[in-house]
Amino acid sequence: MQNDKVYSKNLDYDVIVIPGGPDYTETLEYATHLFNLQKAPLIISGSVSQTDFMYKHLKPLLESLGTDPANWIINETDVLKRFYHTESDEEYKRYQPTTTIQNACCTKWIVKGKNLGNKIAVIRADYHERVPYEFELVYGPKYKIIDHAVRTNISSSERTIRVAHEKIAKIQNMLYLYHKTPGDDQSIYILDKNIDPIFKRFMVFEHALFGFAGLASRDPRKS
């Protein structure tokens, strides 16, 4: 996969994060390409089925580079199962991250716990516009989020639908997060422990304001 497939060509990162999503193949292939340019831990984040798929796809790709996947892939599901003291997929589904906000929170928790650094390359589908915003919200100003948006092979009509969904979901997620309180549900535990409250309120306001104004794809880091 070529570098012109992504918006960012920044290779100055400490860790690579891959949130779960529907366009696994392209993002995972690009993750391997990025890893080959500069090796760094790869965190795969998402539901049980998503991380299982990602691991099975990434493993042979890394092996083809002569690299032992066990030394580089961090499977969020395995880490969180140990944290929640369960080996059961069914039991763990009560806690598994199912939104981008929760992907960001759980990966930040892992990055902090393993002291992996503060420059985070996040790989996403190109239409998934809210990923960098929500990761910036969760990680806060002490971390640098490096956005890698991978061009996906979907039809123009499907792309239009997904982009429209992103603009709506961005507002919904911000409002959901703003009103969440500790104890509302089990899966929010790690989230509540990782978001800076002042930064959270600023970003919620900023996201809502520009999202409603039809500027959901605006990049605040370039303004």
N, C-alpha and C. Protein backbone atom coordinates (compact mmCIF):
# COMPACT_ATOMS: atom_id res chain seq x y z
N MET A 1 0.85 -1.19 0.00
CA MET A 1 0.00 0.00 0.00
C MET A 1 0.89 1.25 0.00
N GLN A 2 0.53 2.22 -0.80
CA GLN A 2 1.37 3.40 -0.97
C GLN A 2 1.03 4.49 0.04
N ASN A 3 1.98 5.38 0.29
CA ASN A 3 1.76 6.44 1.26
C ASN A 3 0.69 7.42 0.84
N ASP A 4 0.40 7.54 -0.49
CA ASP A 4 -0.62 8.49 -0.90
C ASP A 4 -2.02 7.99 -0.57
N LYS A 5 -2.11 6.83 0.06
CA LYS A 5 -3.41 6.30 0.50
C LYS A 5 -3.84 6.91 1.84
N VAL A 6 -2.97 7.67 2.47
CA VAL A 6 -3.30 8.20 3.79
C VAL A 6 -3.11 9.70 3.83
N TYR A 7 -3.74 10.34 4.84
CA TYR A 7 -3.64 11.79 4.99
C TYR A 7 -2.34 12.19 5.69
N SER A 8 -1.83 11.34 6.56
CA SER A 8 -0.62 11.66 7.31
C SER A 8 0.53 10.79 6.87
N LYS A 9 1.69 11.42 6.66
CA LYS A 9 2.90 10.67 6.34
C LYS A 9 3.88 10.73 7.51
N ASN A 10 3.38 11.14 8.67
CA ASN A 10 4.22 11.30 9.86
C ASN A 10 4.64 9.93 10.39
N LEU A 11 5.94 9.69 10.42
CA LEU A 11 6.45 8.40 10.91
C LEU A 11 7.07 8.53 12.29
N ASP A 12 6.87 9.65 12.95
CA ASP A 12 7.43 9.87 14.28
C ASP A 12 6.39 9.44 15.32
N TYR A 13 6.37 8.15 15.67
CA TYR A 13 5.38 7.63 16.61
C TYR A 13 6.02 6.59 17.51
N ASP A 14 5.39 6.38 18.66
CA ASP A 14 5.87 5.39 19.62
C ASP A 14 5.07 4.10 19.59
N VAL A 15 3.81 4.20 19.18
CA VAL A 15 2.92 3.04 19.20
C VAL A 15 1.90 3.21 18.08
N ILE A 16 1.44 2.09 17.53
CA ILE A 16 0.42 2.09 16.48
C ILE A 16 -0.86 1.50 17.06
N VAL A 17 -1.98 2.22 16.92
CA VAL A 17 -3.27 1.77 17.44
C VAL A 17 -4.22 1.54 16.26
N ILE A 18 -4.90 0.40 16.28
CA ILE A 18 -5.87 0.08 15.24
C ILE A 18 -7.23 -0.17 15.89
N PRO A 19 -8.12 0.83 15.87
CA PRO A 19 -9.47 0.62 16.42
C PRO A 19 -10.27 -0.31 15.52
N GLY A 20 -11.17 -1.10 16.11
CA GLY A 20 -12.00 -1.99 15.33
C GLY A 20 -12.93 -1.23 14.41
N GLY A 21 -13.27 -1.83 13.28
CA GLY A 21 -14.17 -1.20 12.31
C GLY A 21 -14.49 -2.17 11.20
N PRO A 22 -15.36 -1.77 10.28
CA PRO A 22 -15.79 -2.69 9.23
C PRO A 22 -14.77 -2.92 8.12
N ASP A 23 -13.82 -2.00 7.93
CA ASP A 23 -12.87 -2.12 6.82
C ASP A 23 -11.53 -2.63 7.32
N TYR A 24 -11.54 -3.85 7.85
CA TYR A 24 -10.34 -4.39 8.48
C TYR A 24 -9.17 -4.56 7.53
N THR A 25 -9.40 -5.15 6.38
CA THR A 25 -8.29 -5.58 5.54
C THR A 25 -7.39 -4.43 5.14
N GLU A 26 -7.96 -3.35 4.65
CA GLU A 26 -7.14 -2.23 4.19
C GLU A 26 -6.37 -1.58 5.33
N THR A 27 -7.03 -1.40 6.47
CA THR A 27 -6.34 -0.75 7.59
C THR A 27 -5.25 -1.65 8.16
N LEU A 28 -5.49 -2.93 8.18
CA LEU A 28 -4.49 -3.86 8.71
C LEU A 28 -3.29 -3.99 7.77
N GLU A 29 -3.55 -3.99 6.49
CA GLU A 29 -2.45 -4.04 5.54
C GLU A 29 -1.62 -2.77 5.62
N TYR A 30 -2.30 -1.64 5.80
CA TYR A 30 -1.54 -0.39 5.96
C TYR A 30 -0.77 -0.39 7.27
N ALA A 31 -1.35 -0.94 8.32
CA ALA A 31 -0.64 -1.02 9.61
C ALA A 31 0.65 -1.80 9.45
N THR A 32 0.60 -2.87 8.67
CA THR A 32 1.81 -3.66 8.43
C THR A 32 2.84 -2.86 7.65
N HIS A 33 2.37 -2.11 6.66
CA HIS A 33 3.24 -1.23 5.88
C HIS A 33 3.92 -0.21 6.79
N LEU A 34 3.14 0.39 7.68
CA LEU A 34 3.68 1.40 8.60
C LEU A 34 4.68 0.76 9.57
N PHE A 35 4.32 -0.39 10.08
CA PHE A 35 5.19 -1.12 11.00
C PHE A 35 6.52 -1.45 10.34
N ASN A 36 6.47 -1.79 9.05
CA ASN A 36 7.69 -2.14 8.33
C ASN A 36 8.60 -0.93 8.14
N LEU A 37 7.99 0.27 8.07
CA LEU A 37 8.78 1.49 7.93
C LEU A 37 9.45 1.87 9.25
N GLN A 38 8.71 1.70 10.33
CA GLN A 38 9.26 1.99 11.65
C GLN A 38 8.57 1.08 12.67
N LYS A 39 9.28 0.14 13.21
CA LYS A 39 8.68 -0.84 14.12
C LYS A 39 8.25 -0.18 15.42
N ALA A 40 7.05 -0.54 15.87
CA ALA A 40 6.48 -0.04 17.13
C ALA A 40 5.40 -1.02 17.56
N PRO A 41 5.08 -1.07 18.86
CA PRO A 41 4.00 -1.96 19.32
C PRO A 41 2.70 -1.66 18.58
N LEU A 42 1.97 -2.71 18.24
CA LEU A 42 0.68 -2.59 17.55
C LEU A 42 -0.43 -2.98 18.52
N ILE A 43 -1.29 -2.03 18.88
CA ILE A 43 -2.42 -2.33 19.75
C ILE A 43 -3.67 -2.50 18.89
N ILE A 44 -4.31 -3.68 18.99
CA ILE A 44 -5.57 -3.90 18.29
C ILE A 44 -6.70 -3.78 19.30
N SER A 45 -7.70 -2.96 18.95
CA SER A 45 -8.75 -2.60 19.90
C SER A 45 -10.12 -2.86 19.29
N GLY A 46 -11.04 -3.36 20.13
CA GLY A 46 -12.40 -3.58 19.66
C GLY A 46 -13.07 -4.71 20.41
N SER A 47 -14.13 -5.22 19.84
CA SER A 47 -14.86 -6.32 20.44
C SER A 47 -14.05 -7.61 20.32
N VAL A 48 -14.53 -8.66 20.96
CA VAL A 48 -13.86 -9.96 20.90
C VAL A 48 -13.70 -10.41 19.45
N SER A 49 -14.77 -10.33 18.67
CA SER A 49 -14.71 -10.79 17.29
C SER A 49 -13.79 -9.91 16.44
N GLN A 50 -13.78 -8.61 16.71
CA GLN A 50 -12.92 -7.70 15.95
C GLN A 50 -11.43 -7.95 16.22
N THR A 51 -11.07 -8.05 17.50
CA THR A 51 -9.66 -8.26 17.81
C THR A 51 -9.19 -9.65 17.37
N ASP A 52 -10.10 -10.62 17.43
CA ASP A 52 -9.75 -11.96 16.96
C ASP A 52 -9.45 -11.94 15.46
N PHE A 53 -10.30 -11.25 14.71
CA PHE A 53 -10.10 -11.15 13.26
C PHE A 53 -8.80 -10.40 12.97
N MET A 54 -8.58 -9.29 13.67
CA MET A 54 -7.39 -8.48 13.41
C MET A 54 -6.11 -9.26 13.71
N TYR A 55 -6.11 -9.98 14.83
CA TYR A 55 -4.91 -10.75 15.18
C TYR A 55 -4.62 -11.82 14.12
N LYS A 56 -5.66 -12.53 13.71
CA LYS A 56 -5.46 -13.61 12.73
C LYS A 56 -4.97 -13.06 11.39
N HIS A 57 -5.37 -11.81 11.08
CA HIS A 57 -4.94 -11.21 9.82
C HIS A 57 -3.54 -10.63 9.94
N LEU A 58 -3.25 -10.00 11.06
CA LEU A 58 -1.94 -9.36 11.25
C LEU A 58 -0.82 -10.37 11.44
N LYS A 59 -1.11 -11.46 12.11
CA LYS A 59 -0.06 -12.43 12.46
C LYS A 59 0.74 -12.89 11.23
N PRO A 60 0.11 -13.38 10.18
CA PRO A 60 0.90 -13.81 9.02
C PRO A 60 1.58 -12.64 8.30
N LEU A 61 0.96 -11.46 8.35
CA LEU A 61 1.57 -10.30 7.71
C LEU A 61 2.89 -9.93 8.39
N LEU A 62 2.90 -9.96 9.73
CA LEU A 62 4.13 -9.65 10.45
C LEU A 62 5.15 -10.76 10.28
N GLU A 63 4.68 -11.99 10.26
CA GLU A 63 5.59 -13.13 10.05
C GLU A 63 6.26 -13.03 8.69
N SER A 64 5.54 -12.50 7.70
CA SER A 64 6.13 -12.35 6.36
C SER A 64 7.27 -11.34 6.35
N LEU A 65 7.32 -10.50 7.38
CA LEU A 65 8.41 -9.53 7.51
C LEU A 65 9.56 -10.09 8.33
N GLY A 66 9.44 -11.36 8.75
CA GLY A 66 10.47 -11.97 9.58
C GLY A 66 10.40 -11.53 11.02
N THR A 67 9.21 -11.12 11.46
CA THR A 67 9.01 -10.60 12.81
C THR A 67 8.12 -11.53 13.61
N ASP A 68 8.40 -11.71 14.89
CA ASP A 68 7.55 -12.52 15.76
C ASP A 68 6.38 -11.67 16.25
N PRO A 69 5.15 -11.96 15.82
CA PRO A 69 3.99 -11.16 16.22
C PRO A 69 3.81 -11.05 17.73
N ALA A 70 4.20 -12.10 18.46
CA ALA A 70 4.04 -12.10 19.92
C ALA A 70 4.84 -10.99 20.59
N ASN A 71 5.88 -10.53 19.92
CA ASN A 71 6.71 -9.47 20.50
C ASN A 71 6.18 -8.06 20.21
N TRP A 72 5.20 -7.97 19.29
CA TRP A 72 4.77 -6.64 18.85
C TRP A 72 3.28 -6.39 18.96
N ILE A 73 2.44 -7.41 18.77
CA ILE A 73 0.99 -7.20 18.82
C ILE A 73 0.50 -7.24 20.26
N ILE A 74 -0.22 -6.21 20.67
CA ILE A 74 -0.87 -6.17 21.98
C ILE A 74 -2.37 -6.28 21.74
N ASN A 75 -2.94 -7.41 22.11
CA ASN A 75 -4.37 -7.65 21.91
C ASN A 75 -5.12 -7.12 23.12
N GLU A 76 -5.87 -6.06 22.89
CA GLU A 76 -6.61 -5.42 23.97
C GLU A 76 -7.53 -6.39 24.70
N THR A 77 -8.15 -7.29 23.96
CA THR A 77 -9.05 -8.27 24.57
C THR A 77 -8.33 -9.10 25.62
N ASP A 78 -7.13 -9.57 25.31
CA ASP A 78 -6.36 -10.38 26.26
C ASP A 78 -6.00 -9.56 27.50
N VAL A 79 -5.58 -8.31 27.29
CA VAL A 79 -5.20 -7.44 28.41
C VAL A 79 -6.39 -7.19 29.33
N LEU A 80 -7.54 -6.86 28.73
CA LEU A 80 -8.71 -6.52 29.54
C LEU A 80 -9.33 -7.75 30.20
N LYS A 81 -9.22 -8.89 29.57
CA LYS A 81 -9.71 -10.11 30.22
C LYS A 81 -8.94 -10.36 31.52
N ARG A 82 -7.64 -10.12 31.48
CA ARG A 82 -6.85 -10.29 32.71
C ARG A 82 -7.26 -9.25 33.74
N PHE A 83 -7.52 -8.02 33.30
CA PHE A 83 -7.92 -6.96 34.21
C PHE A 83 -9.25 -7.29 34.89
N TYR A 84 -10.19 -7.83 34.12
CA TYR A 84 -11.52 -8.15 34.65
C TYR A 84 -11.59 -9.58 35.22
N HIS A 85 -10.45 -10.27 35.25
CA HIS A 85 -10.36 -11.61 35.84
C HIS A 85 -11.36 -12.58 35.22
N THR A 86 -11.36 -12.64 33.89
CA THR A 86 -12.24 -13.58 33.21
C THR A 86 -11.53 -14.15 31.99
N GLU A 87 -11.83 -15.40 31.68
CA GLU A 87 -11.34 -16.03 30.45
C GLU A 87 -12.48 -16.30 29.49
N SER A 88 -13.70 -16.00 29.93
CA SER A 88 -14.90 -16.27 29.13
C SER A 88 -15.20 -15.11 28.18
N ASP A 89 -15.35 -15.42 26.89
CA ASP A 89 -15.73 -14.40 25.93
C ASP A 89 -17.09 -13.82 26.26
N GLU A 90 -18.02 -14.69 26.65
CA GLU A 90 -19.38 -14.23 26.93
C GLU A 90 -19.40 -13.27 28.12
N GLU A 91 -18.67 -13.59 29.16
CA GLU A 91 -18.62 -12.71 30.33
C GLU A 91 -17.91 -11.40 29.99
N TYR A 92 -16.84 -11.50 29.20
CA TYR A 92 -16.08 -10.31 28.85
C TYR A 92 -16.88 -9.34 27.98
N LYS A 93 -17.85 -9.84 27.25
CA LYS A 93 -18.64 -8.97 26.37
C LYS A 93 -19.37 -7.87 27.14
N ARG A 94 -19.52 -8.06 28.46
CA ARG A 94 -20.11 -7.00 29.29
C ARG A 94 -19.20 -5.78 29.34
N TYR A 95 -17.91 -6.00 29.14
CA TYR A 95 -16.92 -4.95 29.32
C TYR A 95 -16.25 -4.50 28.02
N GLN A 96 -16.37 -5.27 26.96
CA GLN A 96 -15.61 -5.00 25.75
C GLN A 96 -15.96 -3.63 25.17
N PRO A 97 -14.98 -2.91 24.62
CA PRO A 97 -15.26 -1.61 23.99
C PRO A 97 -16.04 -1.79 22.70
N THR A 98 -17.08 -0.99 22.53
CA THR A 98 -17.92 -1.09 21.34
C THR A 98 -18.04 0.25 20.62
N THR A 99 -17.39 1.29 21.12
CA THR A 99 -17.43 2.59 20.47
C THR A 99 -16.01 3.12 20.32
N THR A 100 -15.84 4.12 19.47
CA THR A 100 -14.52 4.72 19.27
C THR A 100 -14.01 5.35 20.55
N ILE A 101 -14.90 5.99 21.30
CA ILE A 101 -14.51 6.59 22.58
C ILE A 101 -13.93 5.52 23.51
N GLN A 102 -14.58 4.37 23.58
CA GLN A 102 -14.09 3.30 24.45
C GLN A 102 -12.81 2.67 23.90
N ASN A 103 -12.68 2.59 22.56
CA ASN A 103 -11.41 2.15 21.98
C ASN A 103 -10.28 3.06 22.46
N ALA A 104 -10.53 4.36 22.41
CA ALA A 104 -9.51 5.33 22.81
C ALA A 104 -9.17 5.18 24.29
N CYS A 105 -10.17 5.03 25.12
CA CYS A 105 -9.94 4.92 26.56
C CYS A 105 -9.15 3.67 26.93
N CYS A 106 -9.54 2.55 26.34
CA CYS A 106 -8.87 1.30 26.68
C CYS A 106 -7.43 1.28 26.16
N THR A 107 -7.22 1.82 24.96
CA THR A 107 -5.85 1.84 24.44
C THR A 107 -4.98 2.82 25.21
N LYS A 108 -5.56 3.94 25.64
CA LYS A 108 -4.78 4.88 26.45
C LYS A 108 -4.36 4.21 27.77
N TRP A 109 -5.28 3.48 28.35
CA TRP A 109 -4.99 2.77 29.61
C TRP A 109 -3.83 1.80 29.42
N ILE A 110 -3.82 1.11 28.27
CA ILE A 110 -2.72 0.19 27.97
C ILE A 110 -1.42 0.95 27.73
N VAL A 111 -1.49 2.02 26.96
CA VAL A 111 -0.29 2.82 26.66
C VAL A 111 0.33 3.35 27.95
N LYS A 112 -0.51 3.87 28.84
CA LYS A 112 -0.02 4.39 30.12
C LYS A 112 0.56 3.27 30.97
N GLY A 113 -0.17 2.16 31.07
CA GLY A 113 0.26 1.07 31.94
C GLY A 113 1.56 0.42 31.50
N LYS A 114 1.79 0.38 30.19
CA LYS A 114 3.01 -0.23 29.66
C LYS A 114 4.08 0.81 29.34
N ASN A 115 3.76 2.08 29.60
CA ASN A 115 4.72 3.16 29.38
C ASN A 115 5.29 3.12 27.96
N LEU A 116 4.37 3.15 26.98
CA LEU A 116 4.76 2.97 25.58
C LEU A 116 5.14 4.28 24.88
N GLY A 117 4.94 5.41 25.54
CA GLY A 117 5.28 6.69 24.92
C GLY A 117 4.06 7.58 24.77
N ASN A 118 4.27 8.73 24.11
CA ASN A 118 3.15 9.68 24.00
C ASN A 118 2.82 10.08 22.57
N LYS A 119 3.43 9.43 21.59
CA LYS A 119 3.11 9.72 20.18
C LYS A 119 2.38 8.51 19.60
N ILE A 120 1.09 8.70 19.32
CA ILE A 120 0.20 7.60 19.00
C ILE A 120 -0.25 7.68 17.54
N ALA A 121 0.17 6.73 16.72
CA ALA A 121 -0.31 6.64 15.34
C ALA A 121 -1.61 5.85 15.35
N VAL A 122 -2.69 6.48 14.91
CA VAL A 122 -4.00 5.83 14.89
C VAL A 122 -4.41 5.59 13.44
N ILE A 123 -4.70 4.33 13.12
CA ILE A 123 -5.02 3.95 11.74
C ILE A 123 -6.53 3.74 11.63
N ARG A 124 -7.13 4.43 10.67
CA ARG A 124 -8.59 4.38 10.53
C ARG A 124 -8.98 4.37 9.06
N ALA A 125 -10.25 4.02 8.80
CA ALA A 125 -10.81 4.16 7.46
C ALA A 125 -10.98 5.65 7.17
N ASP A 126 -10.80 6.05 5.93
CA ASP A 126 -10.80 7.47 5.60
C ASP A 126 -12.10 8.19 5.93
N TYR A 127 -13.23 7.51 5.79
CA TYR A 127 -14.51 8.16 6.08
C TYR A 127 -14.79 8.28 7.59
N HIS A 128 -14.02 7.56 8.41
CA HIS A 128 -14.26 7.52 9.86
C HIS A 128 -13.66 8.77 10.51
N GLU A 129 -14.27 9.91 10.21
CA GLU A 129 -13.69 11.22 10.50
C GLU A 129 -13.54 11.53 11.97
N ARG A 130 -14.38 10.96 12.81
CA ARG A 130 -14.36 11.37 14.22
C ARG A 130 -13.27 10.67 15.03
N VAL A 131 -12.59 9.69 14.46
CA VAL A 131 -11.57 8.95 15.22
C VAL A 131 -10.51 9.88 15.82
N PRO A 132 -9.85 10.74 15.04
CA PRO A 132 -8.80 11.57 15.65
C PRO A 132 -9.33 12.52 16.71
N TYR A 133 -10.55 13.03 16.52
CA TYR A 133 -11.15 13.93 17.51
C TYR A 133 -11.38 13.21 18.83
N GLU A 134 -11.96 12.03 18.74
CA GLU A 134 -12.31 11.31 19.96
C GLU A 134 -11.06 10.78 20.66
N PHE A 135 -10.05 10.40 19.90
CA PHE A 135 -8.79 9.99 20.52
C PHE A 135 -8.11 11.19 21.19
N GLU A 136 -8.16 12.35 20.57
CA GLU A 136 -7.57 13.55 21.19
C GLU A 136 -8.31 13.89 22.48
N LEU A 137 -9.63 13.75 22.45
CA LEU A 137 -10.43 14.02 23.64
C LEU A 137 -10.02 13.12 24.80
N VAL A 138 -9.87 11.85 24.53
CA VAL A 138 -9.56 10.88 25.58
C VAL A 138 -8.10 10.98 26.02
N TYR A 139 -7.20 11.04 25.07
CA TYR A 139 -5.77 11.03 25.42
C TYR A 139 -5.33 12.35 26.05
N GLY A 140 -5.92 13.45 25.62
CA GLY A 140 -5.59 14.74 26.23
C GLY A 140 -4.32 15.36 25.66
N PRO A 141 -3.99 16.56 26.13
CA PRO A 141 -2.90 17.34 25.53
C PRO A 141 -1.50 16.79 25.77
N LYS A 142 -1.33 15.84 26.66
CA LYS A 142 0.00 15.28 26.92
C LYS A 142 0.41 14.26 25.85
N TYR A 143 -0.54 13.90 24.99
CA TYR A 143 -0.27 12.93 23.94
C TYR A 143 -0.46 13.56 22.57
N LYS A 144 0.28 13.07 21.61
CA LYS A 144 0.15 13.51 20.22
C LYS A 144 -0.51 12.40 19.42
N ILE A 145 -1.69 12.70 18.85
CA ILE A 145 -2.40 11.73 18.02
C ILE A 145 -2.03 11.98 16.57
N ILE A 146 -1.49 10.97 15.91
CA ILE A 146 -1.08 11.08 14.52
C ILE A 146 -2.08 10.30 13.68
N ASP A 147 -2.85 11.01 12.90
CA ASP A 147 -3.98 10.45 12.18
C ASP A 147 -3.53 9.85 10.84
N HIS A 148 -3.76 8.54 10.68
CA HIS A 148 -3.49 7.86 9.41
C HIS A 148 -4.82 7.37 8.86
N ALA A 149 -5.34 8.05 7.85
CA ALA A 149 -6.63 7.70 7.27
C ALA A 149 -6.42 6.91 5.99
N VAL A 150 -6.84 5.67 5.99
CA VAL A 150 -6.59 4.75 4.88
C VAL A 150 -7.78 4.77 3.91
N ARG A 151 -7.48 4.97 2.65
CA ARG A 151 -8.53 4.97 1.62
C ARG A 151 -9.14 3.57 1.51
N THR A 152 -10.46 3.50 1.60
CA THR A 152 -11.14 2.20 1.57
C THR A 152 -11.84 1.99 0.23
N ASN A 153 -11.93 0.74 -0.17
CA ASN A 153 -12.54 0.40 -1.47
C ASN A 153 -14.03 0.16 -1.32
N ILE A 154 -14.77 1.25 -1.17
CA ILE A 154 -16.23 1.15 -1.11
C ILE A 154 -16.81 2.07 -2.18
N SER A 155 -18.06 1.83 -2.53
CA SER A 155 -18.70 2.63 -3.59
C SER A 155 -18.92 4.06 -3.11
N SER A 156 -19.10 4.96 -4.06
CA SER A 156 -19.31 6.37 -3.72
C SER A 156 -20.61 6.56 -2.94
N SER A 157 -21.63 5.78 -3.26
CA SER A 157 -22.90 5.90 -2.53
C SER A 157 -22.75 5.41 -1.10
N GLU A 158 -22.01 4.31 -0.91
CA GLU A 158 -21.77 3.79 0.44
C GLU A 158 -20.92 4.78 1.23
N ARG A 159 -19.96 5.39 0.57
CA ARG A 159 -19.11 6.37 1.25
C ARG A 159 -19.95 7.56 1.73
N THR A 160 -20.85 8.02 0.88
CA THR A 160 -21.72 9.15 1.25
C THR A 160 -22.54 8.82 2.48
N ILE A 161 -23.07 7.60 2.53
CA ILE A 161 -23.87 7.17 3.68
C ILE A 161 -23.02 7.14 4.95
N ARG A 162 -21.83 6.59 4.84
CA ARG A 162 -20.97 6.46 6.02
C ARG A 162 -20.47 7.82 6.53
N VAL A 163 -20.16 8.73 5.60
CA VAL A 163 -19.73 10.07 6.01
C VAL A 163 -20.85 10.79 6.73
N ALA A 164 -22.07 10.67 6.20
CA ALA A 164 -23.22 11.29 6.85
C ALA A 164 -23.43 10.72 8.25
N HIS A 165 -23.28 9.41 8.37
CA HIS A 165 -23.41 8.77 9.69
C HIS A 165 -22.36 9.30 10.65
N GLU A 166 -21.14 9.50 10.17
CA GLU A 166 -20.06 9.99 11.02
C GLU A 166 -20.39 11.35 11.61
N LYS A 167 -20.96 12.23 10.82
CA LYS A 167 -21.27 13.57 11.29
C LYS A 167 -22.31 13.53 12.42
N ILE A 168 -23.29 12.64 12.27
CA ILE A 168 -24.32 12.51 13.30
C ILE A 168 -23.76 11.81 14.53
N ALA A 169 -23.02 10.72 14.32
CA ALA A 169 -22.48 9.94 15.44
C ALA A 169 -21.50 10.76 16.26
N LYS A 170 -20.79 11.65 15.61
CA LYS A 170 -19.82 12.48 16.32
C LYS A 170 -20.50 13.32 17.40
N ILE A 171 -21.61 13.93 17.03
CA ILE A 171 -22.37 14.74 18.00
C ILE A 171 -22.97 13.86 19.08
N GLN A 172 -23.56 12.74 18.67
CA GLN A 172 -24.20 11.84 19.64
C GLN A 172 -23.18 11.34 20.66
N ASN A 173 -22.00 10.95 20.19
CA ASN A 173 -20.99 10.41 21.10
C ASN A 173 -20.48 11.46 22.07
N MET A 174 -20.33 12.69 21.60
CA MET A 174 -19.86 13.74 22.48
C MET A 174 -20.88 14.02 23.59
N LEU A 175 -22.16 14.09 23.21
CA LEU A 175 -23.19 14.34 24.20
C LEU A 175 -23.32 13.16 25.17
N TYR A 176 -23.21 11.95 24.63
CA TYR A 176 -23.25 10.74 25.47
C TYR A 176 -22.13 10.78 26.50
N LEU A 177 -20.94 11.10 26.04
CA LEU A 177 -19.79 11.12 26.93
C LEU A 177 -19.93 12.21 27.97
N TYR A 178 -20.41 13.37 27.56
CA TYR A 178 -20.51 14.51 28.47
C TYR A 178 -21.44 14.20 29.64
N HIS A 179 -22.49 13.43 29.37
CA HIS A 179 -23.47 13.15 30.42
C HIS A 179 -23.19 11.85 31.17
N LYS A 180 -22.16 11.10 30.76
CA LYS A 180 -21.84 9.86 31.46
C LYS A 180 -21.25 10.14 32.83
N THR A 181 -21.60 9.32 33.78
CA THR A 181 -21.03 9.45 35.12
C THR A 181 -20.51 8.08 35.55
N PRO A 182 -19.51 8.05 36.44
CA PRO A 182 -18.99 6.75 36.90
C PRO A 182 -20.10 5.86 37.44
N GLY A 183 -20.07 4.61 37.05
CA GLY A 183 -21.05 3.67 37.56
C GLY A 183 -22.27 3.51 36.67
N ASP A 184 -22.39 4.33 35.60
CA ASP A 184 -23.54 4.19 34.71
C ASP A 184 -23.58 2.82 34.06
N ASP A 185 -22.43 2.31 33.69
CA ASP A 185 -22.34 0.94 33.20
C ASP A 185 -20.91 0.45 33.40
N GLN A 186 -20.75 -0.86 33.35
CA GLN A 186 -19.45 -1.45 33.66
C GLN A 186 -18.36 -1.05 32.66
N SER A 187 -18.73 -0.96 31.38
CA SER A 187 -17.73 -0.73 30.35
C SER A 187 -17.14 0.67 30.41
N ILE A 188 -17.77 1.56 31.17
CA ILE A 188 -17.29 2.94 31.22
C ILE A 188 -16.22 3.13 32.30
N TYR A 189 -15.91 2.10 33.06
CA TYR A 189 -15.00 2.24 34.20
C TYR A 189 -13.65 2.81 33.79
N ILE A 190 -13.02 2.17 32.81
CA ILE A 190 -11.70 2.63 32.39
C ILE A 190 -11.79 4.02 31.77
N LEU A 191 -12.88 4.28 31.08
CA LEU A 191 -13.07 5.60 30.47
C LEU A 191 -13.03 6.70 31.52
N ASP A 192 -13.77 6.52 32.59
CA ASP A 192 -13.85 7.55 33.63
C ASP A 192 -12.51 7.80 34.30
N LYS A 193 -11.64 6.81 34.29
CA LYS A 193 -10.35 6.94 34.95
C LYS A 193 -9.31 7.63 34.08
N ASN A 194 -9.65 7.88 32.79
CA ASN A 194 -8.63 8.33 31.87
C ASN A 194 -8.88 9.69 31.22
N ILE A 195 -10.07 10.25 31.35
CA ILE A 195 -10.35 11.51 30.68
C ILE A 195 -10.16 12.69 31.62
N ASP A 196 -9.40 13.65 31.16
CA ASP A 196 -9.22 14.88 31.91
C ASP A 196 -10.52 15.68 31.83
N PRO A 197 -11.16 16.00 32.96
CA PRO A 197 -12.49 16.62 32.93
C PRO A 197 -12.54 17.99 32.26
N ILE A 198 -11.50 18.79 32.44
CA ILE A 198 -11.50 20.12 31.82
C ILE A 198 -11.36 20.00 30.31
N PHE A 199 -10.42 19.15 29.88
CA PHE A 199 -10.21 18.94 28.46
C PHE A 199 -11.46 18.33 27.83
N LYS A 200 -12.10 17.44 28.58
CA LYS A 200 -13.33 16.80 28.11
C LYS A 200 -14.40 17.84 27.79
N ARG A 201 -14.63 18.78 28.69
CA ARG A 201 -15.68 19.77 28.49
C ARG A 201 -15.36 20.70 27.31
N PHE A 202 -14.10 21.06 27.17
CA PHE A 202 -13.70 21.91 26.06
C PHE A 202 -13.94 21.21 24.73
N MET A 203 -13.52 19.95 24.64
CA MET A 203 -13.63 19.23 23.38
C MET A 203 -15.09 18.92 23.05
N VAL A 204 -15.91 18.64 24.05
CA VAL A 204 -17.34 18.39 23.80
C VAL A 204 -17.96 19.63 23.18
N PHE A 205 -17.66 20.78 23.75
CA PHE A 205 -18.21 22.03 23.22
C PHE A 205 -17.74 22.27 21.80
N GLU A 206 -16.43 22.10 21.59
CA GLU A 206 -15.84 22.35 20.27
C GLU A 206 -16.41 21.40 19.22
N HIS A 207 -16.55 20.12 19.58
CA HIS A 207 -17.08 19.13 18.65
C HIS A 207 -18.53 19.45 18.30
N ALA A 208 -19.32 19.75 19.32
CA ALA A 208 -20.73 20.02 19.09
C ALA A 208 -20.91 21.26 18.22
N LEU A 209 -20.18 22.32 18.53
CA LEU A 209 -20.30 23.58 17.81
C LEU A 209 -19.97 23.39 16.33
N PHE A 210 -18.82 22.82 16.03
CA PHE A 210 -18.41 22.70 14.64
C PHE A 210 -19.12 21.55 13.94
N GLY A 211 -19.54 20.55 14.70
CA GLY A 211 -20.30 19.47 14.09
C GLY A 211 -21.65 19.95 13.60
N PHE A 212 -22.37 20.70 14.43
CA PHE A 212 -23.67 21.23 14.04
C PHE A 212 -23.53 22.24 12.92
N ALA A 213 -22.36 22.89 12.83
CA ALA A 213 -22.14 23.88 11.78
C ALA A 213 -21.79 23.22 10.45
N GLY A 214 -21.76 21.88 10.44
CA GLY A 214 -21.45 21.18 9.21
C GLY A 214 -19.97 21.08 8.93
N LEU A 215 -19.14 21.27 9.97
CA LEU A 215 -17.70 21.24 9.80
C LEU A 215 -17.08 20.09 10.56
N ALA A 216 -17.75 18.96 10.52
CA ALA A 216 -17.29 17.81 11.33
C ALA A 216 -15.92 17.29 10.91
N SER A 217 -15.51 17.59 9.68
CA SER A 217 -14.21 17.09 9.23
C SER A 217 -13.09 18.09 9.51
N ARG A 218 -13.40 19.21 10.16
CA ARG A 218 -12.40 20.21 10.49
C ARG A 218 -11.35 19.61 11.41
N ASP A 219 -10.10 19.90 11.15
CA ASP A 219 -9.00 19.39 11.98
C ASP A 219 -8.51 20.51 12.87
N PRO A 220 -8.83 20.49 14.19
CA PRO A 220 -8.46 21.59 15.09
C PRO A 220 -6.96 21.76 15.22
N ARG A 221 -6.19 20.72 14.90
CA ARG A 221 -4.74 20.82 15.06
C ARG A 221 -4.12 21.68 13.96
N LYS A 222 -4.87 21.93 12.88
CA LYS A 222 -4.33 22.69 11.76
C LYS A 222 -4.94 24.09 11.69
N SER A 223 -5.74 24.45 12.69
CA SER A 223 -6.40 25.77 12.67
C SER A 223 -5.54 26.81 13.36
